[in-house]
């Protein structure tokens, strides 16, 4: 069993934008990270990635369009879709991936 305060876990991370794996569920990794207003470069995955903003806001860049993902919202990035994070993103992000 695992019981953690996700916002506290993210705040304790030494570096923003570096996730830590909290555990696995159904074969998927559950990660937490802290966003710090800086941008994050473009990346692509071979799997669908779930991005859940716990607090703050993530400015997700999908094909040059900025999508504001706010606290309590989930965005599923389809496999093979290039995505980046624009500056101004802040708060706590949960990532569920392979």
PDB file of N, CA and C in Angstrom:
ATOM      1  N   UNK A   1       0.841  -1.183   0.000  1.00  0.00           N
ATOM      2  CA  UNK A   1       0.000   0.000   0.000  1.00  0.00           C
ATOM      3  C   UNK A   1       0.883   1.242   0.000  1.00  0.00           C
ATOM      4  N   UNK A   2       0.369   2.269  -0.615  1.00  0.00           N
ATOM      5  CA  UNK A   2       1.094   3.537  -0.688  1.00  0.00           C
ATOM      6  C   UNK A   2       0.125   4.662  -0.349  1.00  0.00           C
ATOM      7  N   UNK A   3       0.545   5.532   0.536  1.00  0.00           N
ATOM      8  CA  UNK A   3      -0.271   6.687   0.916  1.00  0.00           C
ATOM      9  C   UNK A   3       0.662   7.885   0.993  1.00  0.00           C
ATOM     10  N   UNK A   4       0.503   8.839   0.071  1.00  0.00           N
ATOM     11  CA  UNK A   4       1.405   9.992   0.030  1.00  0.00           C
ATOM     12  C   UNK A   4       0.608  11.251  -0.286  1.00  0.00           C
ATOM     13  N   UNK A   5       1.099  12.370   0.200  1.00  0.00           N
ATOM     14  CA  UNK A   5       0.566  13.667  -0.189  1.00  0.00           C
ATOM     15  C   UNK A   5       1.325  14.087  -1.448  1.00  0.00           C
ATOM     16  N   UNK A   6       0.646  14.103  -2.579  1.00  0.00           N
ATOM     17  CA  UNK A   6       1.311  14.328  -3.864  1.00  0.00           C
ATOM     18  C   UNK A   6       1.875  15.732  -4.006  1.00  0.00           C
ATOM     19  N   UNK A   7       1.200  16.707  -3.466  1.00  0.00           N
ATOM     20  CA  UNK A   7       1.697  18.086  -3.557  1.00  0.00           C
ATOM     21  C   UNK A   7       2.972  18.235  -2.721  1.00  0.00           C
ATOM     22  N   UNK A   8       3.000  17.626  -1.541  1.00  0.00           N
ATOM     23  CA  UNK A   8       4.208  17.658  -0.708  1.00  0.00           C
ATOM     24  C   UNK A   8       5.350  16.902  -1.367  1.00  0.00           C
ATOM     25  N   UNK A   9       5.047  15.765  -1.986  1.00  0.00           N
ATOM     26  CA  UNK A   9       6.074  14.981  -2.689  1.00  0.00           C
ATOM     27  C   UNK A   9       6.712  15.815  -3.796  1.00  0.00           C
ATOM     28  N   UNK A  10       5.889  16.514  -4.576  1.00  0.00           N
ATOM     29  CA  UNK A  10       6.416  17.338  -5.675  1.00  0.00           C
ATOM     30  C   UNK A  10       7.228  18.506  -5.135  1.00  0.00           C
ATOM     31  N   UNK A  11       6.751  19.144  -4.077  1.00  0.00           N
ATOM     32  CA  UNK A  11       7.453  20.293  -3.500  1.00  0.00           C
ATOM     33  C   UNK A  11       8.824  19.894  -2.966  1.00  0.00           C
ATOM     34  N   UNK A  12       8.975  18.655  -2.524  1.00  0.00           N
ATOM     35  CA  UNK A  12      10.236  18.190  -1.945  1.00  0.00           C
ATOM     36  C   UNK A  12      11.258  17.784  -3.002  1.00  0.00           C
ATOM     37  N   UNK A  13      10.848  17.695  -4.258  1.00  0.00           N
ATOM     38  CA  UNK A  13      11.802  17.302  -5.303  1.00  0.00           C
ATOM     39  C   UNK A  13      12.867  18.380  -5.470  1.00  0.00           C
ATOM     40  N   UNK A  14      14.128  17.988  -5.605  1.00  0.00           N
ATOM     41  CA  UNK A  14      15.214  18.965  -5.680  1.00  0.00           C
ATOM     42  C   UNK A  14      15.242  19.780  -6.971  1.00  0.00           C
ATOM     43  N   UNK A  15      14.685  19.230  -8.043  1.00  0.00           N
ATOM     44  CA  UNK A  15      14.741  19.899  -9.344  1.00  0.00           C
ATOM     45  C   UNK A  15      13.365  19.846  -9.999  1.00  0.00           C
ATOM     46  N   UNK A  16      12.914  20.986 -10.516  1.00  0.00           N
ATOM     47  CA  UNK A  16      11.650  21.014 -11.256  1.00  0.00           C
ATOM     48  C   UNK A  16      11.801  20.230 -12.549  1.00  0.00           C
ATOM     49  N   UNK A  17      10.696  19.729 -13.045  1.00  0.00           N
ATOM     50  CA  UNK A  17      10.619  19.003 -14.318  1.00  0.00           C
ATOM     51  C   UNK A  17      11.335  17.656 -14.302  1.00  0.00           C
ATOM     52  N   UNK A  18      11.771  17.186 -13.134  1.00  0.00           N
ATOM     53  CA  UNK A  18      12.321  15.831 -13.014  1.00  0.00           C
ATOM     54  C   UNK A  18      11.348  15.025 -12.172  1.00  0.00           C
ATOM     55  N   UNK A  19      10.667  14.109 -12.816  1.00  0.00           N
ATOM     56  CA  UNK A  19       9.647  13.341 -12.113  1.00  0.00           C
ATOM     57  C   UNK A  19      10.269  12.250 -11.252  1.00  0.00           C
ATOM     58  N   UNK A  20       9.493  11.805 -10.291  1.00  0.00           N
ATOM     59  CA  UNK A  20       9.855  10.644  -9.499  1.00  0.00           C
ATOM     60  C   UNK A  20       8.702   9.652  -9.595  1.00  0.00           C
ATOM     61  N   UNK A  21       9.036   8.385  -9.738  1.00  0.00           N
ATOM     62  CA  UNK A  21       8.023   7.343  -9.836  1.00  0.00           C
ATOM     63  C   UNK A  21       7.535   7.012  -8.425  1.00  0.00           C
ATOM     64  N   UNK A  22       6.213   7.120  -8.239  1.00  0.00           N
ATOM     65  CA  UNK A  22       5.624   6.805  -6.941  1.00  0.00           C
ATOM     66  C   UNK A  22       5.258   5.331  -6.837  1.00  0.00           C
ATOM     67  N   UNK A  23       4.969   4.728  -7.979  1.00  0.00           N
ATOM     68  CA  UNK A  23       4.583   3.320  -7.987  1.00  0.00           C
ATOM     69  C   UNK A  23       4.009   2.945  -9.339  1.00  0.00           C
ATOM     70  N   UNK A  24       3.466   1.741  -9.401  1.00  0.00           N
ATOM     71  CA  UNK A  24       2.838   1.235 -10.624  1.00  0.00           C
ATOM     72  C   UNK A  24       1.406   0.830 -10.321  1.00  0.00           C
ATOM     73  N   UNK A  25       0.547   0.993 -11.314  1.00  0.00           N
ATOM     74  CA  UNK A  25      -0.850   0.575 -11.210  1.00  0.00           C
ATOM     75  C   UNK A  25      -1.247  -0.026 -12.549  1.00  0.00           C
ATOM     76  N   UNK A  26      -1.621  -1.294 -12.545  1.00  0.00           N
ATOM     77  CA  UNK A  26      -2.025  -1.949 -13.785  1.00  0.00           C
ATOM     78  C   UNK A  26      -0.952  -1.907 -14.861  1.00  0.00           C
ATOM     79  N   UNK A  27       0.307  -1.916 -14.470  1.00  0.00           N
ATOM     80  CA  UNK A  27       1.404  -1.876 -15.427  1.00  0.00           C
ATOM     81  C   UNK A  27       1.848  -0.477 -15.811  1.00  0.00           C
ATOM     82  N   UNK A  28       1.109   0.537 -15.422  1.00  0.00           N
ATOM     83  CA  UNK A  28       1.472   1.925 -15.739  1.00  0.00           C
ATOM     84  C   UNK A  28       2.234   2.547 -14.577  1.00  0.00           C
ATOM     85  N   UNK A  29       3.197   3.399 -14.903  1.00  0.00           N
ATOM     86  CA  UNK A  29       3.925   4.153 -13.881  1.00  0.00           C
ATOM     87  C   UNK A  29       3.112   5.375 -13.468  1.00  0.00           C
ATOM     88  N   UNK A  30       3.135   5.674 -12.194  1.00  0.00           N
ATOM     89  CA  UNK A  30       2.514   6.896 -11.674  1.00  0.00           C
ATOM     90  C   UNK A  30       3.657   7.764 -11.169  1.00  0.00           C
ATOM     91  N   UNK A  31       3.790   8.957 -11.769  1.00  0.00           N
ATOM     92  CA  UNK A  31       4.892   9.860 -11.432  1.00  0.00           C
ATOM     93  C   UNK A  31       4.339  11.207 -10.977  1.00  0.00           C
ATOM     94  N   UNK A  32       5.149  11.917 -10.216  1.00  0.00           N
ATOM     95  CA  UNK A  32       4.811  13.271  -9.796  1.00  0.00           C
ATOM     96  C   UNK A  32       5.992  14.175 -10.124  1.00  0.00           C
ATOM     97  N   UNK A  33       5.689  15.429 -10.465  1.00  0.00           N
ATOM     98  CA  UNK A  33       6.751  16.415 -10.668  1.00  0.00           C
ATOM     99  C   UNK A  33       6.234  17.801 -10.357  1.00  0.00           C
ATOM    100  N   UNK A  34       7.193  18.692 -10.208  1.00  0.00           N
ATOM    101  CA  UNK A  34       6.903  20.096  -9.908  1.00  0.00           C
ATOM    102  C   UNK A  34       7.218  20.928 -11.144  1.00  0.00           C
ATOM    103  N   UNK A  35       6.252  21.739 -11.547  1.00  0.00           N
ATOM    104  CA  UNK A  35       6.442  22.677 -12.661  1.00  0.00           C
ATOM    105  C   UNK A  35       6.854  24.026 -12.074  1.00  0.00           C
ATOM    106  N   UNK A  36       7.781  24.736 -12.745  1.00  0.00           N
ATOM    107  CA  UNK A  36       8.352  25.944 -12.147  1.00  0.00           C
ATOM    108  C   UNK A  36       8.348  27.178 -13.050  1.00  0.00           C
ATOM    109  N   UNK A  37       7.354  27.328 -13.894  1.00  0.00           N
ATOM    110  CA  UNK A  37       7.224  28.488 -14.787  1.00  0.00           C
ATOM    111  C   UNK A  37       8.094  28.388 -16.037  1.00  0.00           C
ATOM    112  N   UNK A  38       9.113  27.523 -16.049  1.00  0.00           N
ATOM    113  CA  UNK A  38       9.973  27.378 -17.227  1.00  0.00           C
ATOM    114  C   UNK A  38       9.306  26.459 -18.244  1.00  0.00           C
ATOM    115  N   UNK A  39       9.776  26.527 -19.472  1.00  0.00           N
ATOM    116  CA  UNK A  39       9.251  25.637 -20.492  1.00  0.00           C
ATOM    117  C   UNK A  39       9.935  24.277 -20.402  1.00  0.00           C
ATOM    118  N   UNK A  40       9.368  23.300 -21.107  1.00  0.00           N
ATOM    119  CA  UNK A  40       9.960  21.964 -21.182  1.00  0.00           C
ATOM    120  C   UNK A  40       9.956  21.570 -22.646  1.00  0.00           C
ATOM    121  N   UNK A  41      11.068  21.046 -23.153  1.00  0.00           N
ATOM    122  CA  UNK A  41      11.203  20.808 -24.587  1.00  0.00           C
ATOM    123  C   UNK A  41      10.272  19.735 -25.144  1.00  0.00           C
ATOM    124  N   UNK A  42      10.137  19.784 -26.451  1.00  0.00           N
ATOM    125  CA  UNK A  42       9.307  18.856 -27.205  1.00  0.00           C
ATOM    126  C   UNK A  42       9.760  17.412 -26.979  1.00  0.00           C
ATOM    127  N   UNK A  43       8.777  16.506 -26.826  1.00  0.00           N
ATOM    128  CA  UNK A  43       9.066  15.092 -26.704  1.00  0.00           C
ATOM    129  C   UNK A  43       7.930  14.290 -27.335  1.00  0.00           C
ATOM    130  N   UNK A  44       8.217  13.030 -27.629  1.00  0.00           N
ATOM    131  CA  UNK A  44       7.241  12.113 -28.220  1.00  0.00           C
ATOM    132  C   UNK A  44       7.422  10.754 -27.561  1.00  0.00           C
ATOM    133  N   UNK A  45       6.320  10.034 -27.382  1.00  0.00           N
ATOM    134  CA  UNK A  45       6.378   8.711 -26.762  1.00  0.00           C
ATOM    135  C   UNK A  45       5.684   7.684 -27.659  1.00  0.00           C
ATOM    136  N   UNK A  46       6.017   6.428 -27.462  1.00  0.00           N
ATOM    137  CA  UNK A  46       5.378   5.333 -28.192  1.00  0.00           C
ATOM    138  C   UNK A  46       4.083   4.883 -27.528  1.00  0.00           C
ATOM    139  N   UNK A  47       3.645   5.602 -26.524  1.00  0.00           N
ATOM    140  CA  UNK A  47       2.463   5.237 -25.746  1.00  0.00           C
ATOM    141  C   UNK A  47       1.670   6.500 -25.417  1.00  0.00           C
ATOM    142  N   UNK A  48       0.402   6.322 -25.098  1.00  0.00           N
ATOM    143  CA  UNK A  48      -0.424   7.434 -24.637  1.00  0.00           C
ATOM    144  C   UNK A  48       0.042   7.833 -23.241  1.00  0.00           C
ATOM    145  N   UNK A  49       0.121   9.135 -23.015  1.00  0.00           N
ATOM    146  CA  UNK A  49       0.565   9.670 -21.725  1.00  0.00           C
ATOM    147  C   UNK A  49      -0.579  10.470 -21.111  1.00  0.00           C
ATOM    148  N   UNK A  50      -0.895  10.186 -19.856  1.00  0.00           N
ATOM    149  CA  UNK A  50      -1.931  10.923 -19.138  1.00  0.00           C
ATOM    150  C   UNK A  50      -1.263  11.988 -18.283  1.00  0.00           C
ATOM    151  N   UNK A  51      -1.709  13.235 -18.423  1.00  0.00           N
ATOM    152  CA  UNK A  51      -1.173  14.363 -17.662  1.00  0.00           C
ATOM    153  C   UNK A  51      -2.307  14.945 -16.818  1.00  0.00           C
ATOM    154  N   UNK A  52      -2.163  14.890 -15.513  1.00  0.00           N
ATOM    155  CA  UNK A  52      -3.176  15.350 -14.577  1.00  0.00           C
ATOM    156  C   UNK A  52      -2.591  16.468 -13.721  1.00  0.00           C
ATOM    157  N   UNK A  53      -3.149  17.654 -13.832  1.00  0.00           N
ATOM    158  CA  UNK A  53      -2.677  18.806 -13.060  1.00  0.00           C
ATOM    159  C   UNK A  53      -3.412  18.814 -11.719  1.00  0.00           C
ATOM    160  N   UNK A  54      -2.647  18.704 -10.639  1.00  0.00           N
ATOM    161  CA  UNK A  54      -3.249  18.733  -9.295  1.00  0.00           C
ATOM    162  C   UNK A  54      -3.486  20.150  -8.820  1.00  0.00           C
ATOM    163  N   UNK A  55      -2.478  21.002  -8.994  1.00  0.00           N
ATOM    164  CA  UNK A  55      -2.634  22.409  -8.655  1.00  0.00           C
ATOM    165  C   UNK A  55      -1.821  23.227  -9.653  1.00  0.00           C
ATOM    166  N   UNK A  56      -2.218  24.472  -9.848  1.00  0.00           N
ATOM    167  CA  UNK A  56      -1.554  25.334 -10.816  1.00  0.00           C
ATOM    168  C   UNK A  56      -2.135  25.148 -12.208  1.00  0.00           C
ATOM    169  N   UNK A  57      -1.273  25.298 -13.211  1.00  0.00           N
ATOM    170  CA  UNK A  57      -1.706  25.190 -14.608  1.00  0.00           C
ATOM    171  C   UNK A  57      -0.536  24.772 -15.483  1.00  0.00           C
ATOM    172  N   UNK A  58      -0.792  23.881 -16.424  1.00  0.00           N
ATOM    173  CA  UNK A  58       0.204  23.473 -17.405  1.00  0.00           C
ATOM    174  C   UNK A  58      -0.218  24.016 -18.760  1.00  0.00           C
ATOM    175  N   UNK A  59       0.699  24.721 -19.423  1.00  0.00           N
ATOM    176  CA  UNK A  59       0.450  25.255 -20.768  1.00  0.00           C
ATOM    177  C   UNK A  59       1.069  24.279 -21.763  1.00  0.00           C
ATOM    178  N   UNK A  60       0.249  23.347 -22.211  1.00  0.00           N
ATOM    179  CA  UNK A  60       0.710  22.270 -23.075  1.00  0.00           C
ATOM    180  C   UNK A  60       0.702  22.728 -24.531  1.00  0.00           C
ATOM    181  N   UNK A  61       1.818  22.526 -25.203  1.00  0.00           N
ATOM    182  CA  UNK A  61       1.972  22.914 -26.608  1.00  0.00           C
ATOM    183  C   UNK A  61       1.814  21.663 -27.473  1.00  0.00           C
ATOM    184  N   UNK A  62       0.698  21.595 -28.192  1.00  0.00           N
ATOM    185  CA  UNK A  62       0.405  20.484 -29.097  1.00  0.00           C
ATOM    186  C   UNK A  62       0.318  21.052 -30.504  1.00  0.00           C
ATOM    187  N   UNK A  63       1.260  20.697 -31.352  1.00  0.00           N
ATOM    188  CA  UNK A  63       1.290  21.176 -32.751  1.00  0.00           C
ATOM    189  C   UNK A  63       1.232  22.701 -32.829  1.00  0.00           C
ATOM    190  N   UNK A  64       1.917  23.404 -31.912  1.00  0.00           N
ATOM    191  CA  UNK A  64       1.958  24.859 -31.938  1.00  0.00           C
ATOM    192  C   UNK A  64       0.757  25.539 -31.303  1.00  0.00           C
ATOM    193  N   UNK A  65      -0.224  24.775 -30.853  1.00  0.00           N
ATOM    194  CA  UNK A  65      -1.394  25.335 -30.168  1.00  0.00           C
ATOM    195  C   UNK A  65      -1.228  25.121 -28.670  1.00  0.00           C
ATOM    196  N   UNK A  66      -1.402  26.189 -27.886  1.00  0.00           N
ATOM    197  CA  UNK A  66      -1.272  26.101 -26.435  1.00  0.00           C
ATOM    198  C   UNK A  66      -2.625  25.733 -25.837  1.00  0.00           C
ATOM    199  N   UNK A  67      -2.615  24.654 -25.061  1.00  0.00           N
ATOM    200  CA  UNK A  67      -3.813  24.196 -24.357  1.00  0.00           C
ATOM    201  C   UNK A  67      -3.558  24.394 -22.868  1.00  0.00           C
ATOM    202  N   UNK A  68      -4.387  25.198 -22.222  1.00  0.00           N
ATOM    203  CA  UNK A  68      -4.257  25.429 -20.779  1.00  0.00           C
ATOM    204  C   UNK A  68      -4.939  24.275 -20.048  1.00  0.00           C
ATOM    205  N   UNK A  69      -4.147  23.476 -19.343  1.00  0.00           N
ATOM    206  CA  UNK A  69      -4.679  22.374 -18.543  1.00  0.00           C
ATOM    207  C   UNK A  69      -4.616  22.849 -17.094  1.00  0.00           C
ATOM    208  N   UNK A  70      -5.787  23.045 -16.507  1.00  0.00           N
ATOM    209  CA  UNK A  70      -5.881  23.658 -15.180  1.00  0.00           C
ATOM    210  C   UNK A  70      -6.007  22.612 -14.086  1.00  0.00           C
ATOM    211  N   UNK A  71      -5.897  23.077 -12.847  1.00  0.00           N
ATOM    212  CA  UNK A  71      -6.009  22.199 -11.677  1.00  0.00           C
ATOM    213  C   UNK A  71      -7.277  21.361 -11.765  1.00  0.00           C
ATOM    214  N   UNK A  72      -7.097  20.062 -11.559  1.00  0.00           N
ATOM    215  CA  UNK A  72      -8.232  19.147 -11.608  1.00  0.00           C
ATOM    216  C   UNK A  72      -8.539  18.613 -12.994  1.00  0.00           C
ATOM    217  N   UNK A  73      -7.780  19.051 -14.004  1.00  0.00           N
ATOM    218  CA  UNK A  73      -8.030  18.615 -15.374  1.00  0.00           C
ATOM    219  C   UNK A  73      -6.998  17.577 -15.819  1.00  0.00           C
ATOM    220  N   UNK A  74      -7.434  16.744 -16.756  1.00  0.00           N
ATOM    221  CA  UNK A  74      -6.626  15.674 -17.318  1.00  0.00           C
ATOM    222  C   UNK A  74      -6.498  15.882 -18.816  1.00  0.00           C
ATOM    223  N   UNK A  75      -5.306  15.645 -19.344  1.00  0.00           N
ATOM    224  CA  UNK A  75      -5.077  15.683 -20.794  1.00  0.00           C
ATOM    225  C   UNK A  75      -4.390  14.385 -21.178  1.00  0.00           C
ATOM    226  N   UNK A  76      -4.961  13.681 -22.152  1.00  0.00           N
ATOM    227  CA  UNK A  76      -4.354  12.466 -22.672  1.00  0.00           C
ATOM    228  C   UNK A  76      -3.639  12.800 -23.964  1.00  0.00           C
ATOM    229  N   UNK A  77      -2.328  12.634 -23.978  1.00  0.00           N
ATOM    230  CA  UNK A  77      -1.523  12.879 -25.174  1.00  0.00           C
ATOM    231  C   UNK A  77      -1.418  11.546 -25.923  1.00  0.00           C
ATOM    232  N   UNK A  78      -1.977  11.463 -27.136  1.00  0.00           N
ATOM    233  CA  UNK A  78      -1.912  10.202 -27.881  1.00  0.00           C
ATOM    234  C   UNK A  78      -0.471   9.796 -28.204  1.00  0.00           C
ATOM    235  N   UNK A  79      -0.262   8.512 -28.343  1.00  0.00           N
ATOM    236  CA  UNK A  79       1.054   7.989 -28.719  1.00  0.00           C
ATOM    237  C   UNK A  79       1.532   8.668 -30.001  1.00  0.00           C
ATOM    238  N   UNK A  80       2.832   8.904 -30.091  1.00  0.00           N
ATOM    239  CA  UNK A  80       3.504   9.482 -31.266  1.00  0.00           C
ATOM    240  C   UNK A  80       3.127  10.935 -31.535  1.00  0.00           C
ATOM    241  N   UNK A  81       2.554  11.623 -30.552  1.00  0.00           N
ATOM    242  CA  UNK A  81       2.185  13.033 -30.709  1.00  0.00           C
ATOM    243  C   UNK A  81       3.248  13.912 -30.062  1.00  0.00           C
ATOM    244  N   UNK A  82       3.963  14.717 -30.867  1.00  0.00           N
ATOM    245  CA  UNK A  82       4.940  15.635 -30.269  1.00  0.00           C
ATOM    246  C   UNK A  82       4.216  16.624 -29.345  1.00  0.00           C
ATOM    247  N   UNK A  83       4.801  16.862 -28.181  1.00  0.00           N
ATOM    248  CA  UNK A  83       4.216  17.818 -27.240  1.00  0.00           C
ATOM    249  C   UNK A  83       5.333  18.434 -26.405  1.00  0.00           C
ATOM    250  N   UNK A  84       5.090  19.664 -25.989  1.00  0.00           N
ATOM    251  CA  UNK A  84       6.034  20.409 -25.159  1.00  0.00           C
ATOM    252  C   UNK A  84       5.209  21.178 -24.131  1.00  0.00           C
ATOM    253  N   UNK A  85       5.902  21.802 -23.204  1.00  0.00           N
ATOM    254  CA  UNK A  85       5.222  22.636 -22.211  1.00  0.00           C
ATOM    255  C   UNK A  85       5.762  24.051 -22.345  1.00  0.00           C
ATOM    256  N   UNK A  86       4.853  25.003 -22.507  1.00  0.00           N
ATOM    257  CA  UNK A  86       5.229  26.406 -22.671  1.00  0.00           C
ATOM    258  C   UNK A  86       5.520  27.040 -21.311  1.00  0.00           C
ATOM    259  N   UNK A  87       6.297  28.106 -21.350  1.00  0.00           N
ATOM    260  CA  UNK A  87       6.629  28.856 -20.133  1.00  0.00           C
ATOM    261  C   UNK A  87       5.357  29.313 -19.426  1.00  0.00           C
ATOM    262  N   UNK A  88       5.468  29.497 -18.133  1.00  0.00           N
ATOM    263  CA  UNK A  88       4.336  29.946 -17.328  1.00  0.00           C
ATOM    264  C   UNK A  88       3.608  28.804 -16.643  1.00  0.00           C
ATOM    265  N   UNK A  89       3.981  27.571 -16.954  1.00  0.00           N
ATOM    266  CA  UNK A  89       3.370  26.415 -16.299  1.00  0.00           C
ATOM    267  C   UNK A  89       3.912  26.320 -14.878  1.00  0.00           C
ATOM    268  N   UNK A  90       3.024  26.034 -13.928  1.00  0.00           N
ATOM    269  CA  UNK A  90       3.440  25.984 -12.533  1.00  0.00           C
ATOM    270  C   UNK A  90       2.527  25.040 -11.766  1.00  0.00           C
ATOM    271  N   UNK A  91       3.032  24.487 -10.690  1.00  0.00           N
ATOM    272  CA  UNK A  91       2.215  23.633  -9.826  1.00  0.00           C
ATOM    273  C   UNK A  91       2.680  22.197  -9.819  1.00  0.00           C
ATOM    274  N   UNK A  92       1.739  21.299  -9.567  1.00  0.00           N
ATOM    275  CA  UNK A  92       2.016  19.875  -9.396  1.00  0.00           C
ATOM    276  C   UNK A  92       1.367  19.089 -10.515  1.00  0.00           C
ATOM    277  N   UNK A  93       2.148  18.221 -11.138  1.00  0.00           N
ATOM    278  CA  UNK A  93       1.683  17.419 -12.268  1.00  0.00           C
ATOM    279  C   UNK A  93       1.869  15.939 -11.953  1.00  0.00           C
ATOM    280  N   UNK A  94       0.834  15.152 -12.230  1.00  0.00           N
ATOM    281  CA  UNK A  94       0.896  13.701 -12.158  1.00  0.00           C
ATOM    282  C   UNK A  94       0.967  13.184 -13.603  1.00  0.00           C
ATOM    283  N   UNK A  95       1.901  12.279 -13.853  1.00  0.00           N
ATOM    284  CA  UNK A  95       2.061  11.659 -15.168  1.00  0.00           C
ATOM    285  C   UNK A  95       1.805  10.158 -14.999  1.00  0.00           C
ATOM    286  N   UNK A  96       0.955   9.629 -15.873  1.00  0.00           N
ATOM    287  CA  UNK A  96       0.704   8.197 -15.890  1.00  0.00           C
ATOM    288  C   UNK A  96       1.100   7.708 -17.273  1.00  0.00           C
ATOM    289  N   UNK A  97       2.105   6.820 -17.300  1.00  0.00           N
ATOM    290  CA  UNK A  97       2.620   6.323 -18.563  1.00  0.00           C
ATOM    291  C   UNK A  97       3.202   4.930 -18.386  1.00  0.00           C
ATOM    292  N   UNK A  98       3.842   4.436 -19.435  1.00  0.00           N
ATOM    293  CA  UNK A  98       4.416   3.083 -19.378  1.00  0.00           C
ATOM    294  C   UNK A  98       5.823   3.093 -18.866  1.00  0.00           C
TER     295      UNK A  98
END
